[in-house]
Amino acid sequence: MIKQVKDIPDIIQQGIQSGWKTWSGSQLAEDLTLEADVVIIGTGAGGGTAGEILSKAGLKVILVEEGPLKSSNKFDMQESSAYSDLYQEGMARGSKDGAFTIMQGRCVGGSTTVNWTSSFRTPDETLNHWTQHHHLAGFSPAEMAPWFEMMEKRLNVHKWKKAPNANNQVLADGCDKMGYSWKTIPRNVSGCWDLGYCGTGCPTNAKQSMLVTTIPETLNNNGELVFRAQARRLLVKGDRVEGVLCHAMHEDGVTYTGKKITINAKHTVMACGGINGPGLLLRSNIPDPKNLIGKRTFLHPVTFSVSEFENEIAGYYGAPQSTYSDHFQWIHGATGPISYKLEVNPMQPALMAAVIMGHGEQHRKQMTMLPRMNSMIALLRDGFDEQSQGGSIELRNDDSPVIDYEFNDYLKDGLKRSLITMAEVQFAGGAKRVRPVHTRSDFSTTLADAKNQINQLDCSPNAIRVGSAHVMGGCAMGANESEGVVDSMGQSFHLDNLSILDGSTFPTSIGANPQLSIYGMVAKQATALAKTLT
């Protein structure tokens, strides 16, 4: 199989050989200055989408990426290298108090290169909430539908047609037994080999990430790519942004080379995410009279529940996510007690060794049951209720950004309810033992015992395992400068030629894996922006 994978053409290397203009900060012998119509900071769902649309409109676009340029012939499905190479802070990014573990891509293509391919439209309930409560124009379900459809076609998004792997089947079977609704997940893949290692980069180019779709198209349209370049501050003069100053980075992705990269541009687009984006604005001392930058940053707090089966599950093979349940997502309406989406996570050994928690012999025993283990997750929908304000971004002493996210009673209630629901589904799906992931939990052999244990758990920070792969907000859209950092088209309220086009502009979380939401929103915004710049 390895030979077969290596026989697949490497789209990136072919493009470079054909004459693409790319620059690696790690290779610069001297400072670099570039000129562009538009500089785009970030190459994930927002940056990649904007780059293609703006370059096709005839604008000279330069893409900037902090991480490395890796491609199919470098994706060897090895966790030991993938996590350190392709993720923010070596996959160890966390909240200020360490309570959250945050998985974010840091490579060309951003999180789209390493995500698990789940592609949901923004739920109608979310769009209606934004329209009614955050006064956004143009975000009704009917107005957004054509843009979602456009990007679904562009990235080959369709419901997964193969049978779910055993890990996903547990969710389907358990929901059926409990009478909970579930559905099949749409995925952005073409010719998927069903390997299951999506989180380490796709070696077959089946995942239709920005790495193999919009970024190549941008470079084919006179665009340029600068990678291993960390955006340190925006170059601001008066009420205009004149570009961005970047620091070149060594191949280790941690240290600076001492070389600087200056990109002068007529228009600047930020698409660097809900942590790095506010961090860049804070470092740049951008006007913020209402103190909104970095506030209301949302994470879809994720709880985990593992279970043991008699039969083999082998959750490390097959499409990572192909079933989901929104049965509890809108059960209280858009507001009210925090609600959640049920999914499963892929179960590669190193990932699971970190997820399941525990020490010594206890941890060893859990890992030996990995082939027979199911792992389920709940994504909590934060930001819809007054009691859910999310987190805030601040700068550490070295000017790197970090999120401070409060654990209040509202959140703790949702954490416990989600763990109980997952225990119900896992037992109903055939599990013989279930364990809510927590520092002081153990396996339960009955649902009654599991519920009793969960109700007694301390859900304080660092006691319960909470993760996130979805950082949203921090530069929210709003109807005016009192309600947001940017308007509904992503244009800054305070700087004439600055746009923010990514999930950091969401006024709440969305209640679904966010990549398609970003694609559709940015397609609309970038199309409008192109008309104003050409």
Protein backbone atom coordinates (compact mmCIF):
# COMPACT_ATOMS: atom_id res chain seq x y z
CA MET A 1 0.00 0.00 0.00
CA ILE A 2 2.87 2.40 0.79
CA LYS A 3 4.18 2.04 -2.75
CA GLN A 4 0.71 2.67 -4.14
CA VAL A 5 0.42 5.85 -2.07
CA LYS A 6 3.82 7.06 -3.21
CA ASP A 7 2.76 6.58 -6.82
CA ILE A 8 0.07 9.26 -6.39
CA PRO A 9 1.20 12.56 -7.96
CA ASP A 10 2.21 15.22 -5.44
CA ILE A 11 0.17 18.27 -6.46
CA ILE A 12 2.33 20.68 -4.48
CA GLN A 13 5.70 19.46 -5.77
CA GLN A 14 4.41 19.42 -9.33
CA GLY A 15 3.25 23.02 -8.93
CA ILE A 16 6.56 24.18 -7.53
CA GLN A 17 8.37 22.52 -10.43
CA SER A 18 6.01 24.28 -12.84
CA GLY A 19 7.08 27.67 -11.54
CA TRP A 20 4.90 28.59 -8.56
CA LYS A 21 6.36 31.44 -6.49
CA THR A 22 6.91 30.16 -2.97
CA TRP A 23 9.15 31.41 -0.20
CA SER A 24 10.26 29.52 2.92
CA GLY A 25 11.22 31.76 5.82
CA SER A 26 13.64 29.10 7.00
CA GLN A 27 15.67 29.42 3.80
CA LEU A 28 16.03 33.19 3.58
CA ALA A 29 19.59 34.52 3.51
CA GLU A 30 18.42 38.12 3.94
CA ASP A 31 15.31 40.13 4.72
CA LEU A 32 12.53 39.91 2.13
CA THR A 33 10.11 42.57 0.91
CA LEU A 34 7.16 41.72 -1.34
CA GLU A 35 4.35 43.72 -2.93
CA ALA A 36 0.74 42.63 -3.45
CA ASP A 37 -2.74 43.87 -4.12
CA VAL A 38 -3.93 41.66 -1.26
CA VAL A 39 -1.98 39.90 1.47
CA ILE A 40 -3.84 37.07 3.19
CA ILE A 41 -2.56 36.00 6.61
CA GLY A 42 -3.48 32.35 7.11
CA THR A 43 -4.07 29.56 4.61
CA GLY A 44 -6.90 27.57 6.18
CA ALA A 45 -10.59 27.52 5.31
CA GLY A 46 -10.87 31.31 5.25
CA GLY A 47 -7.54 32.22 3.70
CA GLY A 48 -7.63 29.48 1.09
CA THR A 49 -11.14 30.33 -0.03
CA ALA A 50 -10.42 34.07 -0.19
CA GLY A 51 -7.16 33.49 -2.04
CA GLU A 52 -8.78 31.59 -4.87
CA ILE A 53 -11.63 34.06 -5.33
CA LEU A 54 -9.48 37.19 -5.16
CA SER A 55 -6.72 35.83 -7.42
CA LYS A 56 -9.25 34.71 -10.01
CA ALA A 57 -10.57 38.26 -10.03
CA GLY A 58 -7.17 39.36 -11.29
CA LEU A 59 -5.69 40.60 -8.01
CA LYS A 60 -2.10 39.87 -7.03
CA VAL A 61 -2.46 37.77 -3.87
CA ILE A 62 0.23 36.72 -1.42
CA LEU A 63 -0.63 34.03 1.13
CA VAL A 64 1.23 33.96 4.44
CA GLU A 65 1.49 30.85 6.62
CA GLU A 66 3.25 30.37 9.95
CA GLY A 67 3.62 26.62 9.54
CA PRO A 68 5.40 24.39 7.01
CA LEU A 69 4.51 23.45 3.46
CA LYS A 70 3.92 19.70 3.61
CA SER A 71 2.23 17.64 0.92
CA SER A 72 1.15 14.12 0.08
CA ASN A 73 4.62 12.61 -0.32
CA LYS A 74 5.46 13.82 3.22
CA PHE A 75 2.28 12.51 4.84
CA ASP A 76 3.36 9.10 6.13
CA MET A 77 0.59 8.62 8.73
CA GLN A 78 3.10 8.78 11.58
CA GLU A 79 1.67 10.46 14.66
CA SER A 80 5.13 11.12 16.08
CA SER A 81 5.97 13.61 13.34
CA ALA A 82 2.53 14.79 12.18
CA TYR A 83 1.39 16.33 15.45
CA SER A 84 4.62 18.26 16.04
CA ASP A 85 4.86 19.39 12.39
CA LEU A 86 1.26 20.21 11.50
CA TYR A 87 -0.45 21.55 14.64
CA GLN A 88 -0.27 24.70 16.71
CA GLU A 89 2.21 24.36 19.55
CA GLY A 90 2.96 20.75 18.61
CA MET A 91 -0.66 19.75 19.33
CA ALA A 92 -0.15 20.93 22.90
CA ARG A 93 -1.93 24.29 22.60
CA GLY A 94 -3.98 24.83 25.70
CA SER A 95 -6.02 27.40 27.56
CA LYS A 96 -4.35 29.67 30.11
CA ASP A 97 -5.06 27.32 33.01
CA GLY A 98 -4.37 24.16 31.01
CA ALA A 99 -7.96 22.97 31.30
CA PHE A 100 -8.50 22.80 27.52
CA THR A 101 -6.41 20.99 24.96
CA ILE A 102 -6.91 22.77 21.64
CA MET A 103 -6.23 21.08 18.29
CA GLN A 104 -5.55 23.60 15.52
CA GLY A 105 -3.67 23.15 12.29
CA ARG A 106 -0.48 25.11 11.66
CA CYS A 107 0.63 24.27 8.14
CA VAL A 108 -0.21 25.30 4.60
CA GLY A 109 -3.93 24.56 4.38
CA GLY A 110 -4.36 25.16 8.10
CA SER A 111 -6.80 22.93 9.94
CA THR A 112 -8.33 21.82 6.63
CA THR A 113 -5.14 19.81 6.04
CA VAL A 114 -5.49 17.84 9.27
CA ASN A 115 -9.21 17.84 10.10
CA TRP A 116 -11.46 14.81 9.97
CA THR A 117 -13.41 16.02 6.88
CA SER A 118 -16.81 16.54 8.54
CA SER A 119 -18.62 19.21 6.48
CA PHE A 120 -21.84 20.70 7.85
CA ARG A 121 -23.72 23.76 6.72
CA THR A 122 -24.27 26.29 9.49
CA PRO A 123 -27.49 25.14 11.20
CA ASP A 124 -30.55 27.22 10.40
CA GLU A 125 -31.07 27.79 14.12
CA THR A 126 -27.63 29.38 14.37
CA LEU A 127 -28.14 31.62 11.34
CA ASN A 128 -31.53 32.74 12.65
CA HIS A 129 -29.99 33.47 16.05
CA TRP A 130 -27.29 35.61 14.44
CA THR A 131 -29.90 37.49 12.44
CA GLN A 132 -32.25 38.10 15.35
CA HIS A 133 -29.87 38.54 18.29
CA HIS A 134 -26.68 39.83 16.65
CA HIS A 135 -28.37 41.86 13.92
CA LEU A 136 -26.35 40.45 11.03
CA ALA A 137 -27.55 41.23 7.53
CA GLY A 138 -27.40 38.62 4.77
CA PHE A 139 -27.09 35.58 7.02
CA SER A 140 -30.55 34.04 6.80
CA PRO A 141 -30.62 30.36 5.79
CA ALA A 142 -32.05 31.28 2.38
CA GLU A 143 -29.35 33.90 1.75
CA MET A 144 -26.51 31.58 2.76
CA ALA A 145 -27.74 28.44 0.96
CA PRO A 146 -26.30 29.33 -2.50
CA TRP A 147 -22.86 29.93 -1.02
CA PHE A 148 -22.86 26.64 0.84
CA GLU A 149 -23.94 24.90 -2.33
CA MET A 150 -21.19 26.61 -4.31
CA MET A 151 -18.49 25.42 -1.91
CA GLU A 152 -19.96 21.94 -1.57
CA LYS A 153 -19.57 21.55 -5.31
CA ARG A 154 -16.09 23.08 -5.27
CA LEU A 155 -14.85 20.71 -2.56
CA ASN A 156 -16.89 17.61 -3.42
CA VAL A 157 -18.87 17.58 -0.18
CA HIS A 158 -21.35 14.71 -0.02
CA LYS A 159 -22.73 12.27 2.52
CA TRP A 160 -20.37 9.37 3.16
CA LYS A 161 -21.67 6.45 1.15
CA LYS A 162 -19.59 3.63 2.59
CA ALA A 163 -20.59 1.76 5.74
CA PRO A 164 -19.40 3.49 8.92
CA ASN A 165 -16.48 1.94 10.73
CA ALA A 166 -17.27 0.11 13.98
CA ASN A 167 -16.51 3.18 16.09
CA ASN A 168 -19.13 5.24 14.27
CA GLN A 169 -21.52 2.29 14.20
CA VAL A 170 -21.63 2.30 18.01
CA LEU A 171 -23.11 5.80 17.88
CA ALA A 172 -25.68 4.78 15.27
CA ASP A 173 -26.66 1.56 17.08
CA GLY A 174 -26.84 3.23 20.48
CA CYS A 175 -29.01 6.07 19.19
CA ASP A 176 -31.34 3.59 17.49
CA LYS A 177 -31.79 1.65 20.72
CA MET A 178 -32.37 4.84 22.73
CA GLY A 179 -34.74 6.36 20.18
CA TYR A 180 -32.37 9.25 19.50
CA SER A 181 -32.10 10.59 15.96
CA TRP A 182 -28.81 10.32 14.05
CA LYS A 183 -27.60 11.00 10.52
CA THR A 184 -24.70 10.42 8.13
CA ILE A 185 -21.96 13.05 8.00
CA PRO A 186 -21.11 14.83 4.72
CA ARG A 187 -17.36 14.69 3.95
CA ASN A 188 -15.17 16.75 1.60
CA VAL A 189 -13.39 13.85 -0.07
CA SER A 190 -12.85 12.49 -3.56
CA GLY A 191 -11.68 8.93 -4.07
CA CYS A 192 -11.13 8.39 -0.33
CA TRP A 193 -9.12 5.28 0.55
CA ASP A 194 -10.83 5.00 3.96
CA LEU A 195 -7.44 4.83 5.73
CA GLY A 196 -8.57 6.66 8.87
CA TYR A 197 -5.47 8.80 9.41
CA CYS A 198 -7.00 12.10 8.24
CA GLY A 199 -5.56 13.90 11.26
CA THR A 200 -1.99 13.30 10.09
CA GLY A 201 -2.46 14.69 6.56
CA CYS A 202 -3.95 12.83 3.59
CA PRO A 203 -1.30 10.85 1.66
CA THR A 204 -3.66 10.20 -1.26
CA ASN A 205 -4.91 13.76 -1.86
CA ALA A 206 -8.46 12.49 -1.36
CA LYS A 207 -9.26 15.09 1.28
CA GLN A 208 -10.31 18.20 -0.59
CA SER A 209 -8.51 20.57 1.74
CA MET A 210 -7.24 24.02 0.84
CA LEU A 211 -3.82 22.41 0.36
CA VAL A 212 -4.92 20.59 -2.80
CA THR A 213 -7.74 22.83 -4.06
CA THR A 214 -7.86 26.59 -3.56
CA ILE A 215 -4.21 27.19 -2.72
CA PRO A 216 -2.92 25.56 -5.94
CA GLU A 217 -5.53 27.56 -7.85
CA THR A 218 -4.35 30.77 -6.19
CA LEU A 219 -0.76 30.02 -7.16
CA ASN A 220 -1.86 29.16 -10.70
CA ASN A 221 -3.36 32.67 -10.88
CA ASN A 222 -0.17 34.62 -10.21
CA GLY A 223 -0.42 34.24 -6.44
CA GLU A 224 2.55 33.72 -4.15
CA LEU A 225 3.00 31.73 -0.94
CA VAL A 226 5.22 32.60 2.00
CA PHE A 227 5.47 29.93 4.70
CA ARG A 228 7.47 29.49 7.89
CA ALA A 229 6.60 33.16 8.43
CA GLN A 230 4.89 34.33 11.61
CA ALA A 231 2.84 37.51 11.28
CA ARG A 232 4.03 39.72 14.13
CA ARG A 233 2.18 42.96 13.51
CA LEU A 234 0.11 44.79 10.98
CA LEU A 235 1.72 47.85 9.42
CA VAL A 236 -0.74 50.63 10.24
CA LYS A 237 -0.58 54.24 9.13
CA GLY A 238 -3.48 56.44 10.13
CA ASP A 239 -6.70 54.57 9.46
CA ARG A 240 -5.18 52.22 6.88
CA VAL A 241 -3.20 48.98 7.00
CA GLU A 242 -0.22 49.02 4.66
CA GLY A 243 0.68 45.35 5.02
CA VAL A 244 2.22 42.98 7.53
CA LEU A 245 5.60 42.41 9.14
CA CYS A 246 6.54 38.75 9.61
CA HIS A 247 9.38 37.00 11.37
CA ALA A 248 11.00 34.13 9.49
CA MET A 249 11.06 30.83 11.34
CA HIS A 250 13.49 27.93 11.40
CA GLU A 251 12.40 24.47 10.31
CA ASP A 252 11.79 23.59 13.96
CA GLY A 253 8.73 25.86 13.77
CA VAL A 254 9.61 27.40 17.13
CA THR A 255 12.65 29.66 16.83
CA TYR A 256 13.17 32.72 14.64
CA THR A 257 15.95 33.01 12.09
CA GLY A 258 16.40 36.73 12.66
CA LYS A 259 15.23 37.54 9.13
CA LYS A 260 12.18 39.72 8.56
CA ILE A 261 9.57 39.57 5.83
CA THR A 262 7.65 42.71 4.92
CA ILE A 263 4.64 42.40 2.65
CA ASN A 264 3.19 45.67 1.45
CA ALA A 265 -0.39 45.44 0.19
CA LYS A 266 -3.28 47.63 -0.84
CA HIS A 267 -5.64 45.43 1.17
CA THR A 268 -4.98 43.08 4.07
CA VAL A 269 -7.06 40.01 4.87
CA MET A 270 -6.67 38.28 8.20
CA ALA A 271 -7.65 34.60 8.22
CA CYS A 272 -5.49 33.34 11.07
CA GLY A 273 -8.11 31.98 13.45
CA GLY A 274 -9.82 32.73 16.72
CA ILE A 275 -6.63 32.75 18.82
CA ASN A 276 -3.86 33.96 16.50
CA GLY A 277 -6.13 36.56 14.85
CA PRO A 278 -7.01 38.50 18.00
CA GLY A 279 -3.39 38.02 19.10
CA LEU A 280 -2.14 39.75 15.95
CA LEU A 281 -4.58 42.64 16.45
CA LEU A 282 -3.52 43.04 20.08
CA ARG A 283 0.19 43.03 19.16
CA SER A 284 -0.55 45.63 16.47
CA ASN A 285 -2.38 47.97 18.89
CA ILE A 286 -5.40 48.14 16.59
CA PRO A 287 -8.08 50.63 17.72
CA ASP A 288 -10.55 48.89 20.03
CA PRO A 289 -12.67 51.54 21.76
CA LYS A 290 -15.33 49.04 22.86
CA ASN A 291 -12.80 46.46 24.10
CA LEU A 292 -14.14 43.71 21.83
CA ILE A 293 -10.96 42.22 20.32
CA GLY A 294 -10.41 38.73 21.67
CA LYS A 295 -13.66 38.69 23.65
CA ARG A 296 -16.39 36.05 23.22
CA THR A 297 -14.02 33.42 21.84
CA PHE A 298 -15.74 30.05 21.65
CA LEU A 299 -14.40 26.51 21.65
CA HIS A 300 -17.23 23.99 21.35
CA PRO A 301 -16.00 22.45 24.65
CA VAL A 302 -15.64 18.72 24.02
CA THR A 303 -16.16 15.93 26.54
CA PHE A 304 -15.02 12.34 26.01
CA SER A 305 -16.43 8.97 26.99
CA VAL A 306 -14.66 5.68 26.30
CA SER A 307 -16.15 2.21 26.43
CA GLU A 308 -15.00 -1.38 26.17
CA PHE A 309 -16.57 -3.99 23.87
CA GLU A 310 -16.27 -7.74 23.52
CA ASN A 311 -15.69 -7.44 19.78
CA GLU A 312 -13.00 -5.52 17.92
CA ILE A 313 -13.72 -1.87 17.15
CA ALA A 314 -10.35 -0.79 15.68
CA GLY A 315 -11.38 2.86 15.65
CA TYR A 316 -8.03 3.84 14.18
CA TYR A 317 -9.11 2.52 10.75
CA GLY A 318 -11.81 3.86 8.43
CA ALA A 319 -13.38 7.29 7.95
CA PRO A 320 -12.91 9.00 11.33
CA GLN A 321 -16.36 10.58 11.46
CA SER A 322 -19.34 9.36 9.46
CA THR A 323 -22.27 9.43 11.92
CA TYR A 324 -23.57 12.12 14.26
CA SER A 325 -26.56 12.94 16.41
CA ASP A 326 -28.12 16.38 16.89
CA HIS A 327 -30.89 14.89 19.02
CA PHE A 328 -29.87 17.06 21.99
CA GLN A 329 -28.57 20.02 19.98
CA TRP A 330 -31.72 22.16 19.82
CA ILE A 331 -33.86 20.41 22.39
CA HIS A 332 -34.14 23.63 24.44
CA GLY A 333 -34.20 25.94 21.43
CA ALA A 334 -31.21 28.12 20.57
CA THR A 335 -30.77 29.41 24.12
CA GLY A 336 -31.39 27.75 27.47
CA PRO A 337 -29.16 25.05 29.02
CA ILE A 338 -26.03 24.34 26.99
CA SER A 339 -26.70 21.72 24.32
CA TYR A 340 -24.45 19.39 22.35
CA LYS A 341 -23.74 17.38 19.23
CA LEU A 342 -22.64 13.74 19.48
CA GLU A 343 -19.84 12.38 17.29
CA VAL A 344 -16.93 9.96 17.65
CA ASN A 345 -13.23 10.70 17.33
CA PRO A 346 -10.53 8.73 15.49
CA MET A 347 -8.52 6.48 17.77
CA GLN A 348 -4.89 6.56 16.72
CA PRO A 349 -2.73 5.25 19.60
CA ALA A 350 -0.83 8.43 20.52
CA LEU A 351 -4.00 10.53 20.33
CA MET A 352 -5.89 8.12 22.54
CA ALA A 353 -3.01 7.80 25.00
CA ALA A 354 -3.43 11.52 25.64
CA VAL A 355 -7.23 11.52 25.59
CA ILE A 356 -7.99 8.74 28.07
CA MET A 357 -5.92 10.17 30.96
CA GLY A 358 -4.55 8.05 33.79
CA HIS A 359 -1.11 6.94 34.93
CA GLY A 360 1.01 3.85 35.30
CA GLU A 361 -0.69 0.47 35.32
CA GLN A 362 -4.17 1.96 34.94
CA HIS A 363 -3.12 3.71 31.74
CA ARG A 364 -1.33 0.63 30.42
CA LYS A 365 -4.41 -1.53 30.91
CA GLN A 366 -6.60 0.97 29.09
CA MET A 367 -4.23 1.11 26.14
CA THR A 368 -4.16 -2.68 25.84
CA MET A 369 -7.92 -2.62 25.23
CA LEU A 370 -7.60 -0.01 22.46
CA PRO A 371 -8.62 -2.42 19.67
CA ARG A 372 -11.88 -3.11 21.55
CA MET A 373 -12.47 0.47 22.70
CA ASN A 374 -15.02 2.99 21.44
CA SER A 375 -14.47 6.70 21.97
CA MET A 376 -17.37 9.15 21.80
CA ILE A 377 -17.35 12.93 22.01
CA ALA A 378 -19.89 15.67 22.67
CA LEU A 379 -19.42 19.15 21.20
CA LEU A 380 -21.05 21.70 23.50
CA ARG A 381 -22.61 24.68 21.71
CA ASP A 382 -21.35 27.76 23.57
CA GLY A 383 -22.21 31.43 23.16
CA PHE A 384 -25.99 31.33 22.73
CA ASP A 385 -26.99 32.12 26.31
CA GLU A 386 -26.05 35.06 28.53
CA GLN A 387 -24.39 32.57 30.87
CA SER A 388 -22.06 31.46 28.07
CA GLN A 389 -19.66 34.28 27.19
CA GLY A 390 -16.81 32.05 26.03
CA GLY A 391 -13.22 33.01 26.65
CA SER A 392 -10.96 35.97 26.04
CA ILE A 393 -7.62 36.20 24.25
CA GLU A 394 -4.66 37.83 25.93
CA LEU A 395 -0.94 38.04 25.26
CA ARG A 396 1.69 36.21 27.29
CA ASN A 397 4.96 37.88 28.23
CA ASP A 398 6.45 36.81 24.90
CA ASP A 399 3.46 38.31 23.03
CA SER A 400 2.09 34.89 22.05
CA PRO A 401 -1.69 34.61 22.38
CA VAL A 402 -3.54 32.41 24.86
CA ILE A 403 -7.22 31.94 25.71
CA ASP A 404 -8.63 32.33 29.20
CA TYR A 405 -11.91 30.36 29.35
CA GLU A 406 -14.07 30.28 32.49
CA PHE A 407 -15.63 27.11 33.89
CA ASN A 408 -18.92 28.30 35.37
CA ASP A 409 -21.92 26.33 36.64
CA TYR A 410 -23.69 26.69 33.29
CA LEU A 411 -20.83 24.93 31.50
CA LYS A 412 -20.34 22.31 34.23
CA ASP A 413 -24.01 21.34 33.97
CA GLY A 414 -23.60 20.71 30.26
CA LEU A 415 -20.40 18.72 30.77
CA LYS A 416 -22.17 16.31 33.10
CA ARG A 417 -25.30 15.97 30.99
CA SER A 418 -23.23 15.20 27.91
CA LEU A 419 -21.28 12.49 29.72
CA ILE A 420 -24.53 10.86 30.89
CA THR A 421 -25.95 10.91 27.34
CA MET A 422 -22.81 9.32 25.92
CA ALA A 423 -22.88 6.60 28.59
CA GLU A 424 -26.50 5.86 27.65
CA VAL A 425 -25.63 5.58 23.96
CA GLN A 426 -22.53 3.46 24.53
CA PHE A 427 -24.30 0.95 26.77
CA ALA A 428 -27.22 0.82 24.34
CA GLY A 429 -24.70 0.28 21.51
CA GLY A 430 -23.35 -2.85 23.19
CA ALA A 431 -20.57 -1.66 25.50
CA LYS A 432 -19.82 -3.84 28.48
CA ARG A 433 -18.07 -1.06 30.39
CA VAL A 434 -18.11 2.75 30.09
CA ARG A 435 -15.78 5.37 31.53
CA PRO A 436 -16.33 9.15 31.45
CA VAL A 437 -12.91 10.65 30.82
CA HIS A 438 -11.90 12.37 34.05
CA THR A 439 -8.92 12.29 36.38
CA ARG A 440 -10.87 10.38 39.04
CA SER A 441 -13.25 8.22 37.04
CA ASP A 442 -13.33 4.49 36.55
CA PHE A 443 -15.18 2.06 34.31
CA SER A 444 -18.81 1.33 35.16
CA THR A 445 -20.50 -1.91 34.19
CA THR A 446 -24.07 -0.57 34.43
CA LEU A 447 -25.74 2.62 33.28
CA ALA A 448 -27.03 3.31 36.78
CA ASP A 449 -23.51 3.15 38.19
CA ALA A 450 -22.19 5.37 35.37
CA LYS A 451 -24.85 8.02 36.03
CA ASN A 452 -24.16 7.95 39.76
CA GLN A 453 -20.41 8.31 39.15
CA ILE A 454 -20.85 11.19 36.66
CA ASN A 455 -23.19 13.11 38.98
CA GLN A 456 -20.53 12.98 41.70
CA LEU A 457 -17.59 14.02 39.51
CA ASP A 458 -15.83 17.32 40.13
CA CYS A 459 -16.04 19.22 36.84
CA SER A 460 -13.50 21.85 37.78
CA PRO A 461 -10.72 22.83 35.35
CA ASN A 462 -8.03 20.15 34.96
CA ALA A 463 -10.15 17.53 36.75
CA ILE A 464 -12.30 16.68 33.74
CA ARG A 465 -10.80 16.19 30.28
CA VAL A 466 -12.08 18.94 27.99
CA GLY A 467 -10.82 19.46 24.46
CA SER A 468 -11.54 21.55 21.41
CA ALA A 469 -10.80 21.46 17.70
CA HIS A 470 -12.99 24.45 16.85
CA VAL A 471 -11.91 27.96 17.83
CA MET A 472 -14.50 30.57 16.84
CA GLY A 473 -15.12 34.21 17.61
CA GLY A 474 -12.77 36.77 19.10
CA CYS A 475 -13.25 39.20 16.19
CA ALA A 476 -17.02 39.04 16.00
CA MET A 477 -19.22 40.40 13.24
CA GLY A 478 -21.76 42.94 14.37
CA ALA A 479 -24.17 45.54 13.05
CA ASN A 480 -21.97 48.37 14.34
CA GLU A 481 -18.77 49.01 16.25
CA SER A 482 -20.56 48.59 19.57
CA GLU A 483 -21.50 45.03 18.66
CA GLY A 484 -18.53 43.76 16.68
CA VAL A 485 -14.98 44.12 15.44
CA VAL A 486 -16.07 43.80 11.80
CA ASP A 487 -19.30 44.18 9.86
CA SER A 488 -21.25 41.35 8.23
CA MET A 489 -18.88 41.39 5.24
CA GLY A 490 -15.79 41.06 7.42
CA GLN A 491 -14.69 44.69 6.99
CA SER A 492 -13.05 46.32 10.01
CA PHE A 493 -15.03 49.13 11.60
CA HIS A 494 -11.84 51.08 12.36
CA LEU A 495 -9.39 50.42 9.50
CA ASP A 496 -10.46 51.11 5.92
CA ASN A 497 -8.61 48.32 4.14
CA LEU A 498 -8.60 45.47 6.64
CA SER A 499 -10.89 42.46 6.30
CA ILE A 500 -11.16 39.48 8.64
CA LEU A 501 -12.45 36.46 6.75
CA ASP A 502 -12.55 33.34 8.91
CA GLY A 503 -14.31 31.71 11.85
CA SER A 504 -12.97 34.31 14.27
CA THR A 505 -15.83 36.56 13.10
CA PHE A 506 -18.58 34.17 14.25
CA PRO A 507 -20.62 35.94 16.96
CA THR A 508 -21.24 32.57 18.67
CA SER A 509 -20.09 29.02 18.13
CA ILE A 510 -22.18 27.27 15.51
CA GLY A 511 -23.04 23.83 16.86
CA ALA A 512 -21.29 21.96 14.03
CA ASN A 513 -17.81 21.31 12.71
CA PRO A 514 -17.06 24.74 11.22
CA GLN A 515 -15.14 24.29 7.98
CA LEU A 516 -18.10 24.47 5.58
CA SER A 517 -19.55 27.40 7.54
CA ILE A 518 -16.28 29.26 6.95
CA TYR A 519 -16.14 28.25 3.29
CA GLY A 520 -19.63 29.51 2.57
CA MET A 521 -19.35 32.72 4.55
CA VAL A 522 -15.95 33.64 3.12
CA ALA A 523 -17.00 32.78 -0.44
CA LYS A 524 -19.75 35.36 -0.09
CA GLN A 525 -17.54 37.96 1.57
CA ALA A 526 -14.55 37.52 -0.72
CA THR A 527 -16.73 37.71 -3.83
CA ALA A 528 -18.06 41.06 -2.63
CA LEU A 529 -14.57 42.23 -1.67
CA ALA A 530 -13.21 41.36 -5.12
CA LYS A 531 -15.77 43.67 -6.70
CA THR A 532 -14.64 46.60 -4.56
CA LEU A 533 -10.93 46.00 -5.28
CA THR A 534 -11.07 45.50 -9.06
